[in-house]
Amino acid sequence: MAFELEGTLVEKFDTQKVSDKFQKREFVIEQKEKRNGYDFQEFIKFQLVQDRCNMIEEFEPGQNLKISFNLRGRKWEKDGNTNYFTNLEAWRIVASDNAVNQDQETPVDSFSEDDPDNALPF
C-alpha cells in the first residue's frame, strides 16, 4: 500500500547494518495540526532500507518534507514465540514547497444521533 505524508524532519539516525545482506536507516517526521481548538502533535518514524538509506542525507532537521511510503507488516518467530512488526518504509523523499500550516483547523464531520447513517450496527 502506498501513502504520502507531509511534515517536518525532526531527527535522522545512522544507518544500521542488521546483517551482511540487510541495512536500514530510520528518521522521524513531526506533524502538527489543530482540531476543534486543540493542538495535536504526532511524531512518525519511517525507515529506509538497502540502497535507499542515503535518501535522507541531503535533508536537515527543521525542513518540511513530503514522504512517499509503503505500509509493511512482518511476522517473526523465534524460540516458539511469534511477534509482529509494522514499518513505514519510505521510498521517496522530496522537499515540500507547501509549508506545514500549523494553525489550520482540520475539518471534523458533524455527528448526529438522529442521522440513520450514524446508526450503530448492533
Protein backbone atom coordinates (compact mmCIF):
# COMPACT_ATOMS: atom_id res chain seq x y z
CA MET A 1 0.00 0.00 0.00
CA ALA A 2 1.40 3.40 -0.98
CA PHE A 3 0.80 6.52 1.13
CA GLU A 4 2.06 10.11 1.36
CA LEU A 5 2.63 12.32 4.37
CA GLU A 6 3.97 15.86 4.82
CA GLY A 7 5.73 17.07 7.93
CA THR A 8 8.90 18.49 9.43
CA LEU A 9 12.06 16.42 9.76
CA VAL A 10 12.87 16.09 13.47
CA GLU A 11 15.69 13.58 13.57
CA LYS A 12 17.61 11.20 11.34
CA PHE A 13 19.57 8.26 12.66
CA ASP A 14 22.69 6.48 11.43
CA THR A 15 22.42 3.51 9.09
CA GLN A 16 22.28 0.19 10.95
CA LYS A 17 23.78 -2.88 9.33
CA VAL A 18 21.42 -5.62 10.56
CA SER A 19 23.15 -8.42 8.62
CA ASP A 20 25.50 -8.90 5.68
CA LYS A 21 22.52 -8.60 3.36
CA PHE A 22 20.31 -6.03 5.13
CA GLN A 23 20.73 -2.45 6.31
CA LYS A 24 18.22 0.18 7.43
CA ARG A 25 18.09 3.83 8.46
CA GLU A 26 15.34 5.50 10.47
CA PHE A 27 14.12 9.08 10.61
CA VAL A 28 11.30 10.95 12.36
CA ILE A 29 8.77 13.40 10.91
CA GLU A 30 6.62 15.71 13.06
CA GLN A 31 3.09 16.56 12.02
CA LYS A 32 1.18 19.36 13.74
CA GLU A 33 -2.47 20.22 13.31
CA LYS A 34 -5.34 21.93 15.09
CA ARG A 35 -8.67 20.18 15.58
CA ASN A 36 -11.58 21.67 17.47
CA GLY A 37 -9.30 24.30 19.01
CA TYR A 38 -6.75 21.77 20.28
CA ASP A 39 -3.18 21.36 19.06
CA PHE A 40 -2.15 17.85 18.08
CA GLN A 41 1.42 16.79 17.52
CA GLU A 42 2.41 13.44 16.03
CA PHE A 43 5.93 12.02 15.71
CA ILE A 44 6.09 9.39 12.98
CA LYS A 45 9.13 7.14 12.49
CA PHE A 46 9.98 5.89 9.00
CA GLN A 47 12.64 3.53 7.78
CA LEU A 48 14.74 3.41 4.65
CA VAL A 49 16.21 0.07 3.59
CA GLN A 50 19.11 -1.18 1.50
CA ASP A 51 20.25 1.25 -1.24
CA ARG A 52 17.68 3.87 -0.12
CA CYS A 53 19.42 4.54 3.22
CA ASN A 54 21.15 7.67 1.86
CA MET A 55 17.94 9.30 0.57
CA ILE A 56 17.54 11.32 3.81
CA GLU A 57 21.15 12.53 3.81
CA GLU A 58 20.52 15.78 1.90
CA PHE A 59 17.80 16.96 4.29
CA GLU A 60 18.27 18.71 7.63
CA PRO A 61 16.11 18.79 10.77
CA GLY A 62 13.52 21.56 10.56
CA GLN A 63 12.99 21.08 6.83
CA ASN A 64 9.46 20.39 5.53
CA LEU A 65 9.30 17.15 3.56
CA LYS A 66 6.83 15.04 1.62
CA ILE A 67 7.35 11.32 2.22
CA SER A 68 6.01 8.58 -0.06
CA PHE A 69 5.95 5.27 1.76
CA ASN A 70 4.56 1.75 1.94
CA LEU A 71 2.98 0.15 4.97
CA ARG A 72 4.77 -3.14 5.69
CA GLY A 73 3.91 -5.86 8.17
CA ARG A 74 6.15 -8.76 9.13
CA LYS A 75 5.85 -11.90 11.22
CA TRP A 76 8.90 -13.03 13.19
CA GLU A 77 9.19 -16.34 15.03
CA LYS A 78 11.97 -17.33 17.41
CA ASP A 79 12.14 -19.90 20.22
CA GLY A 80 8.43 -20.69 19.86
CA ASN A 81 7.41 -17.02 20.23
CA THR A 82 5.71 -15.08 17.45
CA ASN A 83 6.00 -11.31 17.09
CA TYR A 84 4.50 -8.96 14.52
CA PHE A 85 6.09 -5.74 13.30
CA THR A 86 4.70 -2.86 11.29
CA ASN A 87 7.01 -0.48 9.44
CA LEU A 88 6.54 2.64 7.36
CA GLU A 89 9.03 2.05 4.57
CA ALA A 90 9.89 5.29 2.72
CA TRP A 91 10.70 5.09 -0.98
CA ARG A 92 10.65 8.78 -1.97
CA ILE A 93 11.53 11.96 -0.06
CA VAL A 94 11.18 15.45 -1.51
CA ALA A 95 11.39 18.92 0.00
CA SER A 96 7.89 20.27 0.44
CA ASP A 97 7.15 23.67 -1.08
CA ASN A 98 3.98 23.73 0.97
CA ALA A 99 4.95 24.72 4.49
CA VAL A 100 3.06 22.64 7.00
CA ASN A 101 0.35 25.00 8.25
CA GLN A 102 0.27 24.50 11.98
CA ASP A 103 -2.67 26.82 12.60
CA GLN A 104 -5.05 25.34 10.07
CA GLU A 105 -8.18 23.79 11.50
CA THR A 106 -8.79 20.23 10.32
CA PRO A 107 -12.47 19.82 9.46
CA VAL A 108 -14.37 17.31 11.55
CA ASP A 109 -17.52 15.68 10.23
CA SER A 110 -20.60 16.59 12.20
CA PHE A 111 -22.31 13.78 14.08
CA SER A 112 -25.97 13.47 14.82
CA GLU A 113 -27.56 10.55 16.65
CA ASP A 114 -30.76 11.12 14.64
CA ASP A 115 -28.97 10.54 11.34
CA PRO A 116 -29.64 6.92 10.16
CA ASP A 117 -26.19 6.81 8.51
CA ASN A 118 -24.65 7.14 12.00
CA ALA A 119 -26.61 4.26 13.48
CA LEU A 120 -24.53 1.60 15.21
CA PRO A 121 -24.55 -1.82 13.51
CA PHE A 122 -25.62 -3.67 16.69
